């Protein structure tokens, strides 16, 4: 899932959540496709469920290590399935990286020095993010759009955080297809419950993550048209110009004087179908999906600054 273009900000979502204490492992499953998430190794009871890391390759724990003792007995020792990651504080990098692994993740992490709160982060491939936060539950849901014109494999690897702050993942199961039909959707969920207090008076909190994999036709060569109230074109932006804007800072796009609405044109990569999206003066953002070579469709969002005489 290696990206082909530079991204200006990997951290697409951040919110402070209520934290819990001790834990009990709950269940998980993949919906809409009758798949299930199988863990090679159960996490320590002290470790908290902290998210998903999605890869296009199955993560193995390695071959068992064979040892021969003094009595000539051969013993096979299973390798530790944990793959430890690094929490990055630089906003220009993914929030978590796992050495030697490519992928994208969504996380609920306890940051250093913040013992009573957690923060939610997501790599920039995710969109449609929703968070539910109450005194008893912290739920995160997001979508991952994938190209419908190519084979795909997506493995959902659960991520845990230890009491000392270290982050690791365990190999998970996934889905694969020679061709994901446009509009096809699969959902993967994982959850964990944590309880504290004396028996009979326990307080329980739950953490859950759901990722929806949605297949869509990859659209390319975007072109943005600025039109006035008489439906005359007063300006355009090409694909190259839009790319340059997205590589700059996050300041709003200043629209030309007289702009009444926008039309974004895109062409299907394999069908040559032309798609047109309309944005009027009530639209705060220009939003669309950007097809890249890794098979994912990355959300692009740019705030719009409408001319004052048309803002009303």
C-alpha atoms as a PDB file:
ATOM      1  CA  UNK A   1       0.000   0.000   0.000  1.00  0.00           C
ATOM      2  CA  UNK A   2       2.894   2.328  -0.587  1.00  0.00           C
ATOM      3  CA  UNK A   3       1.760   5.781  -1.618  1.00  0.00           C
ATOM      4  CA  UNK A   4       2.882   7.247  -4.921  1.00  0.00           C
ATOM      5  CA  UNK A   5       2.476  10.932  -4.074  1.00  0.00           C
ATOM      6  CA  UNK A   6       3.519  13.107  -1.177  1.00  0.00           C
ATOM      7  CA  UNK A   7       0.765  13.904   1.295  1.00  0.00           C
ATOM      8  CA  UNK A   8       0.734  17.098   3.282  1.00  0.00           C
ATOM      9  CA  UNK A   9      -0.817  15.655   6.459  1.00  0.00           C
ATOM     10  CA  UNK A  10      -1.234  12.049   7.544  1.00  0.00           C
ATOM     11  CA  UNK A  11      -3.273  12.845  10.636  1.00  0.00           C
ATOM     12  CA  UNK A  12      -6.762  13.230   9.286  1.00  0.00           C
ATOM     13  CA  UNK A  13      -8.572  13.031  12.620  1.00  0.00           C
ATOM     14  CA  UNK A  14      -7.802  13.864  16.230  1.00  0.00           C
ATOM     15  CA  UNK A  15     -10.073  13.881  19.249  1.00  0.00           C
ATOM     16  CA  UNK A  16      -9.636  13.344  22.985  1.00  0.00           C
ATOM     17  CA  UNK A  17     -11.433  10.335  24.437  1.00  0.00           C
ATOM     18  CA  UNK A  18     -12.136   9.005  27.921  1.00  0.00           C
ATOM     19  CA  UNK A  19      -9.657   6.345  29.068  1.00  0.00           C
ATOM     20  CA  UNK A  20     -10.224   3.124  31.035  1.00  0.00           C
ATOM     21  CA  UNK A  21      -8.105   0.773  33.183  1.00  0.00           C
ATOM     22  CA  UNK A  22      -7.998  -3.072  33.308  1.00  0.00           C
ATOM     23  CA  UNK A  23      -9.189  -5.169  30.340  1.00  0.00           C
ATOM     24  CA  UNK A  24     -11.023  -8.253  29.167  1.00  0.00           C
ATOM     25  CA  UNK A  25     -10.749  -9.342  25.545  1.00  0.00           C
ATOM     26  CA  UNK A  26     -14.008  -9.280  23.582  1.00  0.00           C
ATOM     27  CA  UNK A  27     -15.016 -10.720  20.219  1.00  0.00           C
ATOM     28  CA  UNK A  28     -14.656  -9.585  16.640  1.00  0.00           C
ATOM     29  CA  UNK A  29     -15.821 -10.538  13.164  1.00  0.00           C
ATOM     30  CA  UNK A  30     -16.026  -9.506   9.509  1.00  0.00           C
ATOM     31  CA  UNK A  31     -19.532  -8.708   8.334  1.00  0.00           C
ATOM     32  CA  UNK A  32     -21.135  -8.687   4.884  1.00  0.00           C
ATOM     33  CA  UNK A  33     -18.774 -11.383   3.656  1.00  0.00           C
ATOM     34  CA  UNK A  34     -18.909 -14.100   6.342  1.00  0.00           C
ATOM     35  CA  UNK A  35     -15.261 -13.608   7.237  1.00  0.00           C
ATOM     36  CA  UNK A  36     -13.759 -13.676  10.710  1.00  0.00           C
ATOM     37  CA  UNK A  37     -10.688 -12.174  12.320  1.00  0.00           C
ATOM     38  CA  UNK A  38      -8.331 -14.868  13.597  1.00  0.00           C
ATOM     39  CA  UNK A  39      -5.533 -13.855  15.956  1.00  0.00           C
ATOM     40  CA  UNK A  40      -2.375 -15.945  16.008  1.00  0.00           C
ATOM     41  CA  UNK A  41      -1.711 -14.992  19.613  1.00  0.00           C
ATOM     42  CA  UNK A  42      -3.935 -13.486  22.293  1.00  0.00           C
ATOM     43  CA  UNK A  43      -2.714 -10.156  23.693  1.00  0.00           C
ATOM     44  CA  UNK A  44      -1.736  -9.793  27.312  1.00  0.00           C
ATOM     45  CA  UNK A  45      -4.719  -8.932  29.517  1.00  0.00           C
ATOM     46  CA  UNK A  46      -3.013  -5.678  30.462  1.00  0.00           C
ATOM     47  CA  UNK A  47      -2.799  -4.562  26.809  1.00  0.00           C
ATOM     48  CA  UNK A  48      -5.485  -2.301  25.410  1.00  0.00           C
ATOM     49  CA  UNK A  49      -7.035  -2.597  21.952  1.00  0.00           C
ATOM     50  CA  UNK A  50      -5.738   0.430  20.049  1.00  0.00           C
ATOM     51  CA  UNK A  51      -6.801   0.058  16.415  1.00  0.00           C
ATOM     52  CA  UNK A  52      -6.372  -1.588  13.033  1.00  0.00           C
ATOM     53  CA  UNK A  53      -3.391  -1.637  10.675  1.00  0.00           C
ATOM     54  CA  UNK A  54      -4.380  -2.755   7.178  1.00  0.00           C
ATOM     55  CA  UNK A  55      -1.875  -4.358   4.806  1.00  0.00           C
ATOM     56  CA  UNK A  56      -2.082  -5.973   1.374  1.00  0.00           C
ATOM     57  CA  UNK A  57       0.083  -8.903   2.504  1.00  0.00           C
ATOM     58  CA  UNK A  58      -0.452 -11.453   5.251  1.00  0.00           C
ATOM     59  CA  UNK A  59       1.938 -10.849   8.136  1.00  0.00           C
ATOM     60  CA  UNK A  60       3.686 -14.003   9.315  1.00  0.00           C
ATOM     61  CA  UNK A  61       5.403 -14.563  12.649  1.00  0.00           C
ATOM     62  CA  UNK A  62       8.243 -16.582  11.134  1.00  0.00           C
ATOM     63  CA  UNK A  63       9.259 -20.234  11.322  1.00  0.00           C
ATOM     64  CA  UNK A  64       9.467 -21.856  14.777  1.00  0.00           C
ATOM     65  CA  UNK A  65      12.949 -21.920  16.304  1.00  0.00           C
ATOM     66  CA  UNK A  66      14.276 -25.453  16.803  1.00  0.00           C
ATOM     67  CA  UNK A  67      16.393 -26.149  19.897  1.00  0.00           C
ATOM     68  CA  UNK A  68      18.227 -29.348  20.920  1.00  0.00           C
ATOM     69  CA  UNK A  69      18.815 -29.938  24.627  1.00  0.00           C
ATOM     70  CA  UNK A  70      21.491 -32.057  26.306  1.00  0.00           C
ATOM     71  CA  UNK A  71      19.250 -35.131  26.226  1.00  0.00           C
ATOM     72  CA  UNK A  72      18.903 -34.937  22.466  1.00  0.00           C
ATOM     73  CA  UNK A  73      15.301 -33.713  22.609  1.00  0.00           C
ATOM     74  CA  UNK A  74      14.224 -31.418  19.803  1.00  0.00           C
ATOM     75  CA  UNK A  75      11.859 -28.590  20.763  1.00  0.00           C
ATOM     76  CA  UNK A  76      10.069 -26.133  18.472  1.00  0.00           C
ATOM     77  CA  UNK A  77       9.627 -22.664  19.991  1.00  0.00           C
ATOM     78  CA  UNK A  78       7.050 -20.455  18.312  1.00  0.00           C
ATOM     79  CA  UNK A  79       8.260 -17.007  17.307  1.00  0.00           C
ATOM     80  CA  UNK A  80       6.620 -14.009  18.966  1.00  0.00           C
ATOM     81  CA  UNK A  81       3.869 -12.833  16.606  1.00  0.00           C
ATOM     82  CA  UNK A  82       4.004  -9.250  17.877  1.00  0.00           C
ATOM     83  CA  UNK A  83       5.263  -6.608  15.461  1.00  0.00           C
ATOM     84  CA  UNK A  84       6.196  -3.495  17.419  1.00  0.00           C
ATOM     85  CA  UNK A  85       5.559  -0.033  16.023  1.00  0.00           C
ATOM     86  CA  UNK A  86       6.732   3.523  16.585  1.00  0.00           C
ATOM     87  CA  UNK A  87       4.477   6.423  17.586  1.00  0.00           C
ATOM     88  CA  UNK A  88       5.385   9.492  15.522  1.00  0.00           C
ATOM     89  CA  UNK A  89       4.758  12.997  16.834  1.00  0.00           C
ATOM     90  CA  UNK A  90       5.647  14.687  13.531  1.00  0.00           C
ATOM     91  CA  UNK A  91       2.379  15.594  11.769  1.00  0.00           C
ATOM     92  CA  UNK A  92       4.048  15.066   8.377  1.00  0.00           C
ATOM     93  CA  UNK A  93       4.465  11.334   9.002  1.00  0.00           C
ATOM     94  CA  UNK A  94       2.012   8.480   9.597  1.00  0.00           C
ATOM     95  CA  UNK A  95       0.910   8.437  13.262  1.00  0.00           C
ATOM     96  CA  UNK A  96       2.324   4.907  13.681  1.00  0.00           C
ATOM     97  CA  UNK A  97       4.923   3.049  11.617  1.00  0.00           C
ATOM     98  CA  UNK A  98       5.838  -0.634  11.757  1.00  0.00           C
ATOM     99  CA  UNK A  99       9.352  -1.393  10.568  1.00  0.00           C
ATOM    100  CA  UNK A 100       9.330  -3.191   7.226  1.00  0.00           C
ATOM    101  CA  UNK A 101       5.539  -3.047   6.810  1.00  0.00           C
ATOM    102  CA  UNK A 102       3.496  -0.946   4.389  1.00  0.00           C
ATOM    103  CA  UNK A 103      -0.114  -0.169   5.172  1.00  0.00           C
ATOM    104  CA  UNK A 104      -2.518   2.275   6.757  1.00  0.00           C
ATOM    105  CA  UNK A 105      -4.103   2.401  10.165  1.00  0.00           C
ATOM    106  CA  UNK A 106      -6.684   3.953  12.452  1.00  0.00           C
ATOM    107  CA  UNK A 107      -5.841   4.186  16.150  1.00  0.00           C
ATOM    108  CA  UNK A 108      -7.043   5.127  19.634  1.00  0.00           C
ATOM    109  CA  UNK A 109      -3.764   5.820  21.434  1.00  0.00           C
ATOM    110  CA  UNK A 110      -2.689   6.989  24.853  1.00  0.00           C
ATOM    111  CA  UNK A 111      -0.027   9.624  24.288  1.00  0.00           C
ATOM    112  CA  UNK A 112       3.009  10.087  26.565  1.00  0.00           C
ATOM    113  CA  UNK A 113       2.099  12.248  29.560  1.00  0.00           C
ATOM    114  CA  UNK A 114      -1.670  11.891  28.984  1.00  0.00           C
ATOM    115  CA  UNK A 115      -2.639   9.117  31.378  1.00  0.00           C
ATOM    116  CA  UNK A 116      -6.350   9.992  31.573  1.00  0.00           C
ATOM    117  CA  UNK A 117      -7.134  10.497  27.892  1.00  0.00           C
ATOM    118  CA  UNK A 118      -6.702   8.875  24.508  1.00  0.00           C
ATOM    119  CA  UNK A 119      -6.388  10.401  21.040  1.00  0.00           C
ATOM    120  CA  UNK A 120      -7.744   9.029  17.766  1.00  0.00           C
ATOM    121  CA  UNK A 121      -5.528   9.176  14.677  1.00  0.00           C
ATOM    122  CA  UNK A 122      -6.001   7.886  11.139  1.00  0.00           C
ATOM    123  CA  UNK A 123      -3.776   7.675   8.077  1.00  0.00           C
ATOM    124  CA  UNK A 124      -4.852   9.809   5.142  1.00  0.00           C
ATOM    125  CA  UNK A 125      -6.367   6.888   3.171  1.00  0.00           C
ATOM    126  CA  UNK A 126      -9.413   6.827   5.460  1.00  0.00           C
ATOM    127  CA  UNK A 127     -12.591   8.843   4.982  1.00  0.00           C
ATOM    128  CA  UNK A 128     -16.198   8.933   6.298  1.00  0.00           C
ATOM    129  CA  UNK A 129     -14.851   8.847   9.850  1.00  0.00           C
ATOM    130  CA  UNK A 130     -17.273   8.753  12.779  1.00  0.00           C
ATOM    131  CA  UNK A 131     -16.515   8.628  16.497  1.00  0.00           C
ATOM    132  CA  UNK A 132     -18.852   7.715  19.353  1.00  0.00           C
ATOM    133  CA  UNK A 133     -17.621   8.707  22.809  1.00  0.00           C
ATOM    134  CA  UNK A 134     -19.555   8.105  26.036  1.00  0.00           C
ATOM    135  CA  UNK A 135     -18.651   7.231  29.614  1.00  0.00           C
ATOM    136  CA  UNK A 136     -18.836   3.526  28.707  1.00  0.00           C
ATOM    137  CA  UNK A 137     -17.757   3.268  25.070  1.00  0.00           C
ATOM    138  CA  UNK A 138     -15.280   4.592  22.529  1.00  0.00           C
ATOM    139  CA  UNK A 139     -16.144   3.563  18.977  1.00  0.00           C
ATOM    140  CA  UNK A 140     -14.415   4.542  15.737  1.00  0.00           C
ATOM    141  CA  UNK A 141     -15.647   3.794  12.215  1.00  0.00           C
ATOM    142  CA  UNK A 142     -14.071   4.729   8.891  1.00  0.00           C
ATOM    143  CA  UNK A 143     -14.167   3.829   5.207  1.00  0.00           C
ATOM    144  CA  UNK A 144     -11.363   2.738   2.909  1.00  0.00           C
ATOM    145  CA  UNK A 145     -12.118   3.165  -0.804  1.00  0.00           C
ATOM    146  CA  UNK A 146     -10.391   0.765  -3.205  1.00  0.00           C
ATOM    147  CA  UNK A 147     -10.175   0.551  -6.991  1.00  0.00           C
ATOM    148  CA  UNK A 148     -12.728  -1.736  -8.643  1.00  0.00           C
ATOM    149  CA  UNK A 149     -10.542  -2.394 -11.704  1.00  0.00           C
ATOM    150  CA  UNK A 150      -7.848  -4.519 -10.081  1.00  0.00           C
ATOM    151  CA  UNK A 151      -7.357  -7.481  -7.725  1.00  0.00           C
ATOM    152  CA  UNK A 152      -7.116  -6.655  -4.060  1.00  0.00           C
ATOM    153  CA  UNK A 153      -6.001  -8.171  -0.773  1.00  0.00           C
ATOM    154  CA  UNK A 154      -6.675  -6.457   2.529  1.00  0.00           C
ATOM    155  CA  UNK A 155      -5.587  -7.892   5.874  1.00  0.00           C
ATOM    156  CA  UNK A 156      -6.901  -6.375   9.108  1.00  0.00           C
ATOM    157  CA  UNK A 157      -4.229  -6.581  11.792  1.00  0.00           C
ATOM    158  CA  UNK A 158      -5.369  -5.587  15.318  1.00  0.00           C
ATOM    159  CA  UNK A 159      -3.139  -3.116  17.142  1.00  0.00           C
ATOM    160  CA  UNK A 160      -2.626  -3.074  20.913  1.00  0.00           C
ATOM    161  CA  UNK A 161      -0.937  -0.682  23.328  1.00  0.00           C
ATOM    162  CA  UNK A 162       0.917  -1.911  26.388  1.00  0.00           C
ATOM    163  CA  UNK A 163       0.809  -0.262  29.814  1.00  0.00           C
ATOM    164  CA  UNK A 164       4.271   1.194  29.136  1.00  0.00           C
ATOM    165  CA  UNK A 165       2.995   2.888  25.965  1.00  0.00           C
ATOM    166  CA  UNK A 166       4.574   0.528  23.440  1.00  0.00           C
ATOM    167  CA  UNK A 167       2.441  -0.325  20.392  1.00  0.00           C
ATOM    168  CA  UNK A 168       2.330  -3.647  18.558  1.00  0.00           C
ATOM    169  CA  UNK A 169       0.147  -5.491  16.079  1.00  0.00           C
ATOM    170  CA  UNK A 170      -0.834  -9.126  15.732  1.00  0.00           C
ATOM    171  CA  UNK A 171      -1.391 -10.826  12.357  1.00  0.00           C
ATOM    172  CA  UNK A 172      -5.033 -10.826  11.352  1.00  0.00           C
ATOM    173  CA  UNK A 173      -7.187 -12.288   8.608  1.00  0.00           C
ATOM    174  CA  UNK A 174      -8.634 -10.482   5.625  1.00  0.00           C
ATOM    175  CA  UNK A 175     -10.370 -10.522   2.276  1.00  0.00           C
ATOM    176  CA  UNK A 176      -9.144 -10.961  -1.280  1.00  0.00           C
ATOM    177  CA  UNK A 177     -10.701 -10.902  -4.738  1.00  0.00           C
ATOM    178  CA  UNK A 178      -9.586 -10.966  -8.355  1.00  0.00           C
ATOM    179  CA  UNK A 179     -11.992  -8.088  -8.964  1.00  0.00           C
ATOM    180  CA  UNK A 180     -14.054  -6.054  -6.511  1.00  0.00           C
ATOM    181  CA  UNK A 181     -17.259  -5.058  -8.288  1.00  0.00           C
ATOM    182  CA  UNK A 182     -18.026  -1.347  -8.128  1.00  0.00           C
ATOM    183  CA  UNK A 183     -20.149  -0.581  -5.081  1.00  0.00           C
ATOM    184  CA  UNK A 184     -19.196  -3.800  -3.279  1.00  0.00           C
ATOM    185  CA  UNK A 185     -18.634  -3.296   0.454  1.00  0.00           C
ATOM    186  CA  UNK A 186     -17.062  -5.401   3.211  1.00  0.00           C
ATOM    187  CA  UNK A 187     -16.886  -4.469   6.879  1.00  0.00           C
ATOM    188  CA  UNK A 188     -14.359  -5.598   9.478  1.00  0.00           C
ATOM    189  CA  UNK A 189     -14.921  -4.996  13.184  1.00  0.00           C
ATOM    190  CA  UNK A 190     -12.979  -5.689  16.349  1.00  0.00           C
ATOM    191  CA  UNK A 191     -13.868  -4.846  19.937  1.00  0.00           C
ATOM    192  CA  UNK A 192     -12.607  -5.144  23.495  1.00  0.00           C
ATOM    193  CA  UNK A 193     -14.179  -4.612  26.915  1.00  0.00           C
ATOM    194  CA  UNK A 194     -12.274  -3.412  29.955  1.00  0.00           C
ATOM    195  CA  UNK A 195     -13.577  -3.616  33.517  1.00  0.00           C
ATOM    196  CA  UNK A 196     -12.447  -2.262  36.868  1.00  0.00           C
ATOM    197  CA  UNK A 197     -13.741  -2.204  40.413  1.00  0.00           C
ATOM    198  CA  UNK A 198     -14.798  -4.918  42.868  1.00  0.00           C
ATOM    199  CA  UNK A 199     -16.886  -7.848  41.650  1.00  0.00           C
ATOM    200  CA  UNK A 200     -20.522  -6.898  41.440  1.00  0.00           C
ATOM    201  CA  UNK A 201     -19.702  -3.202  41.224  1.00  0.00           C
ATOM    202  CA  UNK A 202     -17.515  -3.312  38.173  1.00  0.00           C
ATOM    203  CA  UNK A 203     -17.532  -0.498  35.675  1.00  0.00           C
ATOM    204  CA  UNK A 204     -17.028  -1.591  32.071  1.00  0.00           C
ATOM    205  CA  UNK A 205     -15.789   0.362  29.067  1.00  0.00           C
ATOM    206  CA  UNK A 206     -15.640  -0.862  25.493  1.00  0.00           C
ATOM    207  CA  UNK A 207     -13.382   0.008  22.574  1.00  0.00           C
ATOM    208  CA  UNK A 208     -14.316  -0.918  19.032  1.00  0.00           C
ATOM    209  CA  UNK A 209     -13.114  -0.238  15.492  1.00  0.00           C
ATOM    210  CA  UNK A 210     -14.948  -0.799  12.227  1.00  0.00           C
ATOM    211  CA  UNK A 211     -13.421  -0.363   8.764  1.00  0.00           C
ATOM    212  CA  UNK A 212     -15.630  -0.472   5.669  1.00  0.00           C
ATOM    213  CA  UNK A 213     -13.819  -1.434   2.464  1.00  0.00           C
ATOM    214  CA  UNK A 214     -15.776   0.081  -0.446  1.00  0.00           C
ATOM    215  CA  UNK A 215     -15.015  -0.591  -4.091  1.00  0.00           C
ATOM    216  CA  UNK A 216     -15.362   2.323  -6.531  1.00  0.00           C
ATOM    217  CA  UNK A 217     -14.329   3.121 -10.076  1.00  0.00           C
ATOM    218  CA  UNK A 218     -10.983   4.960 -10.037  1.00  0.00           C
ATOM    219  CA  UNK A 219     -11.388   8.437 -11.509  1.00  0.00           C
ATOM    220  CA  UNK A 220      -8.452  10.380 -12.961  1.00  0.00           C
ATOM    221  CA  UNK A 221      -7.471  13.653 -14.676  1.00  0.00           C
ATOM    222  CA  UNK A 222      -9.533  15.975 -12.471  1.00  0.00           C
ATOM    223  CA  UNK A 223     -10.334  19.416 -13.883  1.00  0.00           C
ATOM    224  CA  UNK A 224     -12.014  22.159 -11.861  1.00  0.00           C
ATOM    225  CA  UNK A 225     -14.233  24.722 -13.604  1.00  0.00           C
ATOM    226  CA  UNK A 226     -15.332  28.035 -12.063  1.00  0.00           C
ATOM    227  CA  UNK A 227     -18.661  29.328 -13.436  1.00  0.00           C
ATOM    228  CA  UNK A 228     -20.621  32.535 -12.860  1.00  0.00           C
ATOM    229  CA  UNK A 229     -24.365  33.004 -12.441  1.00  0.00           C
ATOM    230  CA  UNK A 230     -24.765  33.125 -16.236  1.00  0.00           C
ATOM    231  CA  UNK A 231     -23.072  29.707 -16.495  1.00  0.00           C
ATOM    232  CA  UNK A 232     -19.983  31.189 -18.127  1.00  0.00           C
ATOM    233  CA  UNK A 233     -16.557  29.742 -17.279  1.00  0.00           C
ATOM    234  CA  UNK A 234     -14.508  32.363 -15.413  1.00  0.00           C
ATOM    235  CA  UNK A 235     -11.527  30.129 -14.601  1.00  0.00           C
ATOM    236  CA  UNK A 236     -10.152  26.593 -14.555  1.00  0.00           C
ATOM    237  CA  UNK A 237      -7.625  24.491 -12.660  1.00  0.00           C
ATOM    238  CA  UNK A 238      -5.904  21.527 -14.319  1.00  0.00           C
ATOM    239  CA  UNK A 239      -4.837  18.283 -12.643  1.00  0.00           C
ATOM    240  CA  UNK A 240      -1.281  19.597 -12.314  1.00  0.00           C
ATOM    241  CA  UNK A 241      -2.482  22.840 -10.741  1.00  0.00           C
ATOM    242  CA  UNK A 242      -4.717  20.971  -8.279  1.00  0.00           C
ATOM    243  CA  UNK A 243      -1.784  18.715  -7.341  1.00  0.00           C
ATOM    244  CA  UNK A 244       0.367  21.775  -6.662  1.00  0.00           C
ATOM    245  CA  UNK A 245      -2.334  23.319  -4.453  1.00  0.00           C
ATOM    246  CA  UNK A 246      -2.690  20.162  -2.368  1.00  0.00           C
ATOM    247  CA  UNK A 247       1.067  20.070  -1.774  1.00  0.00           C
ATOM    248  CA  UNK A 248       1.006  23.568  -0.250  1.00  0.00           C
ATOM    249  CA  UNK A 249      -0.368  24.637   3.115  1.00  0.00           C
ATOM    250  CA  UNK A 250      -3.992  24.151   4.119  1.00  0.00           C
ATOM    251  CA  UNK A 251      -5.146  27.716   3.391  1.00  0.00           C
ATOM    252  CA  UNK A 252      -8.544  27.989   1.622  1.00  0.00           C
ATOM    253  CA  UNK A 253      -8.757  28.049  -2.158  1.00  0.00           C
ATOM    254  CA  UNK A 254      -9.581  31.619  -3.183  1.00  0.00           C
ATOM    255  CA  UNK A 255     -12.233  31.488  -5.916  1.00  0.00           C
ATOM    256  CA  UNK A 256     -12.207  34.000  -8.780  1.00  0.00           C
ATOM    257  CA  UNK A 257     -14.541  37.023  -8.516  1.00  0.00           C
ATOM    258  CA  UNK A 258     -17.979  36.259  -9.846  1.00  0.00           C
ATOM    259  CA  UNK A 259     -17.812  32.529  -9.169  1.00  0.00           C
ATOM    260  CA  UNK A 260     -21.301  31.165  -8.481  1.00  0.00           C
ATOM    261  CA  UNK A 261     -20.559  27.445  -8.532  1.00  0.00           C
ATOM    262  CA  UNK A 262     -17.876  24.856  -9.343  1.00  0.00           C
ATOM    263  CA  UNK A 263     -17.844  21.776 -11.554  1.00  0.00           C
ATOM    264  CA  UNK A 264     -15.265  19.050 -10.968  1.00  0.00           C
ATOM    265  CA  UNK A 265     -14.771  16.807 -13.992  1.00  0.00           C
ATOM    266  CA  UNK A 266     -13.059  13.419 -13.721  1.00  0.00           C
ATOM    267  CA  UNK A 267     -12.584  10.554 -16.193  1.00  0.00           C
ATOM    268  CA  UNK A 268     -12.760   6.843 -15.374  1.00  0.00           C
ATOM    269  CA  UNK A 269      -9.415   5.095 -15.655  1.00  0.00           C
ATOM    270  CA  UNK A 270     -10.744   2.125 -17.614  1.00  0.00           C
ATOM    271  CA  UNK A 271     -14.211   3.168 -18.845  1.00  0.00           C
ATOM    272  CA  UNK A 272     -13.536   6.753 -20.009  1.00  0.00           C
ATOM    273  CA  UNK A 273     -16.767   7.654 -18.214  1.00  0.00           C
ATOM    274  CA  UNK A 274     -16.872  11.366 -17.382  1.00  0.00           C
ATOM    275  CA  UNK A 275     -18.085  12.229 -13.896  1.00  0.00           C
ATOM    276  CA  UNK A 276     -19.156  15.770 -12.953  1.00  0.00           C
ATOM    277  CA  UNK A 277     -19.617  16.965  -9.377  1.00  0.00           C
ATOM    278  CA  UNK A 278     -21.247  20.317  -8.555  1.00  0.00           C
ATOM    279  CA  UNK A 279     -20.329  22.615  -5.655  1.00  0.00           C
ATOM    280  CA  UNK A 280     -22.429  25.727  -4.992  1.00  0.00           C
ATOM    281  CA  UNK A 281     -21.904  28.657  -2.636  1.00  0.00           C
ATOM    282  CA  UNK A 282     -23.191  26.541   0.248  1.00  0.00           C
ATOM    283  CA  UNK A 283     -20.257  24.121  -0.121  1.00  0.00           C
ATOM    284  CA  UNK A 284     -17.467  24.641   2.385  1.00  0.00           C
ATOM    285  CA  UNK A 285     -15.109  22.107   0.824  1.00  0.00           C
ATOM    286  CA  UNK A 286     -14.025  20.688  -2.497  1.00  0.00           C
ATOM    287  CA  UNK A 287     -13.950  16.916  -1.968  1.00  0.00           C
ATOM    288  CA  UNK A 288     -13.134  14.000  -4.237  1.00  0.00           C
ATOM    289  CA  UNK A 289     -11.265  10.682  -4.361  1.00  0.00           C
ATOM    290  CA  UNK A 290      -7.812  10.502  -5.921  1.00  0.00           C
ATOM    291  CA  UNK A 291      -6.811   7.185  -7.554  1.00  0.00           C
ATOM    292  CA  UNK A 292      -3.222   6.074  -7.000  1.00  0.00           C
ATOM    293  CA  UNK A 293      -1.078   3.151  -8.080  1.00  0.00           C
ATOM    294  CA  UNK A 294      -1.383   1.233  -4.804  1.00  0.00           C
ATOM    295  CA  UNK A 295      -5.053   0.457  -5.497  1.00  0.00           C
ATOM    296  CA  UNK A 296      -6.462   2.838  -2.878  1.00  0.00           C
ATOM    297  CA  UNK A 297      -8.591   5.919  -3.530  1.00  0.00           C
ATOM    298  CA  UNK A 298      -7.348   8.725  -1.288  1.00  0.00           C
ATOM    299  CA  UNK A 299      -9.763  11.442  -0.122  1.00  0.00           C
ATOM    300  CA  UNK A 300      -8.851  14.979  -1.051  1.00  0.00           C
ATOM    301  CA  UNK A 301     -10.443  17.908   0.720  1.00  0.00           C
ATOM    302  CA  UNK A 302      -9.802  21.607   0.206  1.00  0.00           C
ATOM    303  CA  UNK A 303     -11.670  24.421   1.945  1.00  0.00           C
ATOM    304  CA  UNK A 304     -13.248  27.009  -0.350  1.00  0.00           C
ATOM    305  CA  UNK A 305     -13.189  30.806   0.029  1.00  0.00           C
ATOM    306  CA  UNK A 306     -16.104  32.160  -1.987  1.00  0.00           C
ATOM    307  CA  UNK A 307     -16.085  35.750  -3.310  1.00  0.00           C
ATOM    308  CA  UNK A 308     -17.737  38.073  -0.834  1.00  0.00           C
ATOM    309  CA  UNK A 309     -20.307  39.303  -3.331  1.00  0.00           C
ATOM    310  CA  UNK A 310     -21.475  35.681  -3.899  1.00  0.00           C
ATOM    311  CA  UNK A 311     -21.091  34.331  -0.363  1.00  0.00           C
ATOM    312  CA  UNK A 312     -24.641  35.226   0.546  1.00  0.00           C
END
